[in-house]
Amino acid sequence: MNPPPFPVVVGVPRSGTTLVRLMLDAHTDLAIPPETGFLSDPEIARAAKSPREFAGNLIQFPRQAPAWQDFGISATQFFHALDSLPTDAGLPDVLRMFYRTYAARFGKTRGGDKTPTYLLHMPAVASVLPESRFIHIVRDGRDVALSWRETWFAPSRSIPEIVKRWGEMIRTARNQASGINYLEIRYEDLIRSPADTLACICDFIGLDFQPGMLLYHHRSPERLKEHLARYDLEGKLVVSHEERLRQQKKVAEPLDVRRVGAWRHALTDEECRECERHAGDLLSEFESRCPSSMSIS
């Protein structure tokens, strides 16, 4: 039996990937964990020869600050689940077991993923899990930059420099879209017409839209408790639980159209001109009042 479509939510950071994750996670059949990162890392498969070796690499990923605790699955529990796999099972089998085990924590039958940076590695992810269905949420780069520069993982504090990076990432993703199952949606559409946009996503991943998905924010505080503090191998704090929650606080609130176009009141004329210089061709897609979604498959 072929595995069901596997939703993978991607996007430039601060584009609404967590919002999409929690909306999909509110579906009664689907559970999506915090960011994984291991689907595109070649080290996961390198030198591993058995399901337990693959699993050990997942549990220790990333080596500089392992994130396994976010998933609420004990290593013992996961190794026990692997006993049902044949001894010659490969990495895809182990990964599917991970997502099934995670979904089972919530009494659900299907899993998915939300890791923004898979945006740059979609063919690699699809080569490991061919059932992947990539949902790329695109947000106006100027609004992205306003939000991204306030985070601990910002690539710069300069709005134009962040917009430049945004443009590079969007172009890379679109260049990769040919030959994979790919749906591009707009953050602005999701905010203004959430039911229609979610229905489109559900159709793409083989689920029926459920109105309860619009009430995602009722569950968000509890779901975000998984975002635990991260420490490096020497025990030094990388990012606290409180900081991770602060960065995601808006997904615990109802949708607010004021999130769209905030850049119009926040950027200087000079910043606007520099943003246009770096990514004017892409920013022009957001000039109309109600931009439309685009899908490529």
Protein backbone atom coordinates (compact mmCIF):
# COMPACT_ATOMS: atom_id res chain seq x y z
CA MET A 1 0.00 0.00 0.00
CA ASN A 2 1.35 3.41 -0.94
CA PRO A 3 1.72 5.88 1.94
CA PRO A 4 -0.75 8.79 1.99
CA PRO A 5 0.30 12.28 0.86
CA PHE A 6 2.76 13.75 3.33
CA PRO A 7 2.37 17.53 3.81
CA VAL A 8 5.62 19.47 4.20
CA VAL A 9 5.12 23.14 5.08
CA VAL A 10 7.97 25.34 3.88
CA GLY A 11 8.69 29.03 3.48
CA VAL A 12 11.08 31.84 4.23
CA PRO A 13 11.19 32.22 8.04
CA ARG A 14 8.43 34.49 9.42
CA SER A 15 6.19 33.87 6.41
CA GLY A 16 3.44 32.04 8.31
CA THR A 17 4.75 28.47 8.33
CA THR A 18 3.86 27.97 12.01
CA LEU A 19 0.37 29.32 11.33
CA VAL A 20 -0.14 26.78 8.54
CA ARG A 21 1.31 24.03 10.71
CA LEU A 22 -1.13 24.68 13.54
CA MET A 23 -4.10 25.05 11.22
CA LEU A 24 -3.34 21.68 9.63
CA ASP A 25 -2.56 20.17 13.01
CA ALA A 26 -6.08 21.14 14.11
CA HIS A 27 -7.44 18.57 11.63
CA THR A 28 -8.63 15.44 13.41
CA ASP A 29 -6.50 13.17 11.19
CA LEU A 30 -3.21 15.08 11.05
CA ALA A 31 -0.41 15.85 13.53
CA ILE A 32 2.61 17.98 12.64
CA PRO A 33 5.60 18.16 15.00
CA PRO A 34 7.91 21.10 15.64
CA GLU A 35 10.69 21.58 13.12
CA THR A 36 12.73 18.46 12.38
CA GLY A 37 15.58 19.42 10.06
CA PHE A 38 16.73 15.87 9.45
CA LEU A 39 14.91 15.12 6.19
CA SER A 40 17.50 16.93 4.08
CA ASP A 41 20.65 16.15 6.05
CA PRO A 42 22.92 13.60 4.33
CA GLU A 43 24.59 12.73 7.63
CA ILE A 44 21.40 10.99 8.80
CA ALA A 45 21.83 8.19 6.28
CA ARG A 46 25.60 8.13 6.09
CA ALA A 47 27.21 5.04 7.65
CA ALA A 48 23.87 3.80 9.03
CA LYS A 49 23.03 0.20 8.11
CA SER A 50 20.05 -0.74 10.30
CA PRO A 51 16.79 0.83 11.46
CA ARG A 52 18.24 1.38 14.94
CA GLU A 53 21.28 3.17 13.52
CA PHE A 54 19.05 5.44 11.44
CA ALA A 55 16.94 6.11 14.53
CA GLY A 56 20.01 6.89 16.61
CA ASN A 57 21.01 9.54 14.10
CA LEU A 58 17.54 11.12 14.26
CA ILE A 59 17.59 11.22 18.04
CA GLN A 60 20.98 12.95 18.09
CA PHE A 61 20.08 15.54 15.43
CA PRO A 62 21.38 18.20 15.16
CA ARG A 63 24.53 17.21 16.96
CA GLN A 64 25.32 20.74 18.12
CA ALA A 65 21.92 21.11 19.84
CA PRO A 66 19.73 17.97 19.66
CA ALA A 67 16.01 18.70 19.26
CA TRP A 68 14.52 15.25 19.91
CA GLN A 69 12.93 16.33 23.21
CA ASP A 70 10.57 18.62 21.28
CA PHE A 71 8.73 15.60 19.86
CA GLY A 72 7.65 14.05 23.15
CA ILE A 73 8.79 10.58 22.10
CA SER A 74 11.25 8.74 24.33
CA ALA A 75 14.16 6.99 22.65
CA THR A 76 13.03 3.73 24.25
CA GLN A 77 9.53 4.14 22.86
CA PHE A 78 10.84 4.85 19.38
CA PHE A 79 13.25 1.91 19.36
CA HIS A 80 10.40 -0.32 20.51
CA ALA A 81 8.24 0.90 17.61
CA LEU A 82 11.04 0.03 15.20
CA ASP A 83 10.84 -3.63 16.23
CA SER A 84 7.86 -3.99 13.89
CA LEU A 85 10.02 -3.11 10.87
CA PRO A 86 12.00 -5.68 8.88
CA THR A 87 15.71 -5.77 9.61
CA ASP A 88 16.48 -4.50 6.11
CA ALA A 89 14.23 -1.43 6.48
CA GLY A 90 15.75 1.76 5.13
CA LEU A 91 15.71 5.40 6.17
CA PRO A 92 12.28 6.12 4.57
CA ASP A 93 10.72 3.35 6.66
CA VAL A 94 12.26 4.73 9.84
CA LEU A 95 11.11 8.25 9.03
CA ARG A 96 7.56 7.09 8.33
CA MET A 97 7.60 5.26 11.65
CA PHE A 98 8.69 8.45 13.40
CA TYR A 99 5.78 10.46 11.95
CA ARG A 100 3.29 7.65 12.69
CA THR A 101 4.56 7.44 16.27
CA TYR A 102 4.26 11.19 16.69
CA ALA A 103 0.72 11.24 15.25
CA ALA A 104 -0.31 8.38 17.52
CA ARG A 105 0.49 10.56 20.54
CA PHE A 106 -2.61 12.56 19.63
CA GLY A 107 -4.79 9.70 18.43
CA LYS A 108 -4.25 10.66 14.79
CA THR A 109 -3.43 8.56 11.75
CA ARG A 110 -1.33 10.85 9.56
CA GLY A 111 1.77 12.95 10.05
CA GLY A 112 3.37 15.88 8.32
CA ASP A 113 6.26 18.28 8.70
CA LYS A 114 6.89 21.99 9.02
CA THR A 115 10.49 23.03 8.58
CA PRO A 116 10.92 26.36 6.76
CA THR A 117 14.42 25.64 5.47
CA TYR A 118 13.29 22.58 3.52
CA LEU A 119 12.28 25.30 1.08
CA LEU A 120 15.85 25.12 -0.26
CA HIS A 121 16.04 21.31 -0.29
CA MET A 122 12.69 20.11 -1.64
CA PRO A 123 14.07 17.64 -4.23
CA ALA A 124 16.29 16.09 -1.54
CA VAL A 125 13.31 15.67 0.80
CA ALA A 126 11.19 14.22 -2.00
CA SER A 127 13.94 11.72 -2.83
CA VAL A 128 13.69 10.36 0.73
CA LEU A 129 9.89 10.57 1.06
CA PRO A 130 8.35 10.57 -2.46
CA GLU A 131 4.89 11.05 -0.99
CA SER A 132 5.86 14.58 0.11
CA ARG A 133 3.50 17.40 -0.85
CA PHE A 134 5.21 20.76 -0.42
CA ILE A 135 3.09 23.67 0.77
CA HIS A 136 5.08 26.86 0.22
CA ILE A 137 3.61 29.89 1.95
CA VAL A 138 4.84 33.17 0.50
CA ARG A 139 4.50 36.49 2.30
CA ASP A 140 5.40 40.01 1.22
CA GLY A 141 9.15 40.23 1.77
CA ARG A 142 8.90 43.59 3.50
CA ASP A 143 6.56 42.22 6.16
CA VAL A 144 8.80 39.15 6.47
CA ALA A 145 11.81 41.38 7.06
CA LEU A 146 10.07 43.40 9.77
CA SER A 147 9.34 40.21 11.68
CA TRP A 148 12.51 38.28 10.93
CA ARG A 149 14.91 40.98 12.07
CA GLU A 150 13.47 40.80 15.61
CA THR A 151 14.39 37.13 16.05
CA TRP A 152 17.51 35.50 17.45
CA PHE A 153 18.09 33.76 14.09
CA ALA A 154 17.82 36.84 11.85
CA PRO A 155 20.39 36.88 9.03
CA SER A 156 20.73 40.67 9.39
CA ARG A 157 19.17 43.66 11.14
CA SER A 158 18.90 45.48 7.82
CA ILE A 159 15.45 45.37 6.20
CA PRO A 160 16.81 45.59 2.61
CA GLU A 161 19.38 42.86 3.29
CA ILE A 162 16.69 40.55 4.65
CA VAL A 163 14.47 41.29 1.64
CA LYS A 164 17.41 40.40 -0.59
CA ARG A 165 17.72 37.07 1.20
CA TRP A 166 13.95 36.56 0.93
CA GLY A 167 14.11 37.06 -2.82
CA GLU A 168 16.98 34.61 -3.20
CA MET A 169 15.10 31.94 -1.27
CA ILE A 170 11.86 32.42 -3.21
CA ARG A 171 13.67 32.14 -6.54
CA THR A 172 15.51 29.00 -5.41
CA ALA A 173 12.26 27.36 -4.34
CA ARG A 174 10.47 28.15 -7.57
CA ASN A 175 13.38 26.83 -9.59
CA GLN A 176 13.10 23.54 -7.67
CA ALA A 177 9.32 23.24 -8.05
CA SER A 178 9.34 21.48 -11.41
CA GLY A 179 8.91 17.74 -11.03
CA ILE A 180 7.74 17.71 -7.41
CA ASN A 181 4.32 18.03 -5.82
CA TYR A 182 4.26 21.72 -4.97
CA LEU A 183 1.57 24.19 -3.95
CA GLU A 184 2.28 27.86 -3.45
CA ILE A 185 -0.10 29.90 -1.33
CA ARG A 186 -0.03 33.50 -0.16
CA TYR A 187 0.02 34.48 3.48
CA GLU A 188 -2.21 37.39 2.56
CA ASP A 189 -4.84 35.01 1.14
CA LEU A 190 -4.67 32.82 4.23
CA ILE A 191 -5.34 35.83 6.46
CA ARG A 192 -8.15 37.27 4.34
CA SER A 193 -9.81 34.05 3.14
CA PRO A 194 -8.69 31.30 5.52
CA ALA A 195 -11.44 28.77 4.78
CA ASP A 196 -10.93 28.90 1.01
CA THR A 197 -7.15 28.74 1.32
CA LEU A 198 -7.24 25.84 3.77
CA ALA A 199 -9.72 23.99 1.56
CA CYS A 200 -7.22 24.32 -1.29
CA ILE A 201 -4.42 22.93 0.89
CA CYS A 202 -6.60 20.06 2.13
CA ASP A 203 -7.49 19.07 -1.43
CA PHE A 204 -3.79 19.08 -2.31
CA ILE A 205 -2.90 16.70 0.56
CA GLY A 206 -5.94 14.45 0.30
CA LEU A 207 -7.95 15.59 3.32
CA ASP A 208 -11.41 17.04 3.75
CA PHE A 209 -11.48 20.59 5.06
CA GLN A 210 -12.80 20.82 8.61
CA PRO A 211 -14.19 24.12 9.99
CA GLY A 212 -12.43 23.35 13.28
CA MET A 213 -9.14 24.12 11.56
CA LEU A 214 -10.11 27.79 11.78
CA LEU A 215 -10.11 27.49 15.57
CA TYR A 216 -6.43 26.48 15.62
CA HIS A 217 -5.62 29.27 18.10
CA HIS A 218 -7.65 27.56 20.82
CA ARG A 219 -5.12 24.69 20.79
CA SER A 220 -1.98 26.67 19.99
CA PRO A 221 -0.81 27.42 23.56
CA GLU A 222 -0.86 23.74 24.43
CA ARG A 223 0.79 22.68 21.15
CA LEU A 224 3.55 25.27 21.50
CA LYS A 225 4.60 23.84 24.87
CA GLU A 226 6.63 21.37 22.80
CA HIS A 227 9.01 24.20 21.82
CA LEU A 228 11.47 23.54 24.60
CA ALA A 229 14.76 25.28 25.33
CA ARG A 230 17.72 24.29 23.16
CA TYR A 231 21.21 23.67 24.54
CA ASP A 232 24.48 22.96 22.77
CA LEU A 233 26.66 19.95 23.56
CA GLU A 234 28.45 21.87 26.31
CA GLY A 235 25.16 22.67 28.03
CA LYS A 236 25.10 26.31 26.96
CA LEU A 237 21.65 27.74 26.29
CA VAL A 238 21.07 28.41 22.57
CA VAL A 239 17.49 29.66 22.86
CA SER A 240 15.10 29.53 25.81
CA HIS A 241 11.61 28.08 25.90
CA GLU A 242 10.27 31.53 26.72
CA GLU A 243 11.99 33.10 23.71
CA ARG A 244 10.64 30.45 21.38
CA LEU A 245 7.13 31.06 22.72
CA ARG A 246 7.51 34.82 22.38
CA GLN A 247 8.39 34.48 18.72
CA GLN A 248 5.24 32.42 18.10
CA LYS A 249 2.79 34.31 20.31
CA LYS A 250 0.59 35.57 17.47
CA VAL A 251 -0.44 32.05 16.45
CA ALA A 252 -2.28 31.84 19.77
CA GLU A 253 -4.51 34.72 18.63
CA PRO A 254 -7.28 34.90 16.00
CA LEU A 255 -6.30 36.00 12.49
CA ASP A 256 -5.78 39.74 12.15
CA VAL A 257 -5.77 41.47 8.75
CA ARG A 258 -3.60 44.20 10.27
CA ARG A 259 -0.69 41.79 9.88
CA VAL A 260 -0.88 42.39 6.13
CA GLY A 261 1.04 45.37 4.77
CA ALA A 262 2.53 46.53 8.08
CA TRP A 263 5.63 47.56 6.13
CA ARG A 264 3.72 50.49 4.60
CA HIS A 265 3.79 52.27 7.95
CA ALA A 266 7.10 50.97 9.28
CA LEU A 267 9.67 51.38 6.49
CA THR A 268 11.41 54.57 5.49
CA ASP A 269 11.33 55.75 1.88
CA GLU A 270 15.00 54.82 1.57
CA GLU A 271 14.37 51.31 2.89
CA CYS A 272 11.51 50.89 0.43
CA ARG A 273 13.73 51.94 -2.48
CA GLU A 274 16.48 49.54 -1.39
CA CYS A 275 13.99 46.69 -1.08
CA GLU A 276 12.76 47.40 -4.61
CA ARG A 277 16.32 47.39 -5.86
CA HIS A 278 17.00 43.97 -4.37
CA ALA A 279 13.72 42.17 -5.18
CA GLY A 280 11.39 44.51 -7.04
CA ASP A 281 10.25 41.82 -9.48
CA LEU A 282 8.99 39.62 -6.64
CA LEU A 283 7.64 42.43 -4.49
CA SER A 284 5.49 43.59 -7.40
CA GLU A 285 3.44 40.40 -6.96
CA PHE A 286 2.13 41.85 -3.71
CA GLU A 287 1.01 45.23 -4.98
CA SER A 288 -2.54 44.18 -5.81
CA ARG A 289 -5.07 44.23 -2.99
CA CYS A 290 -6.00 40.55 -3.15
CA PRO A 291 -3.14 38.49 -4.63
CA SER A 292 -4.11 35.06 -5.90
CA SER A 293 -2.63 31.71 -5.01
CA MET A 294 -0.50 29.86 -7.52
CA SER A 295 0.10 26.14 -7.76
CA ILE A 296 2.73 24.25 -9.64
CA SER A 297 2.91 20.51 -9.91
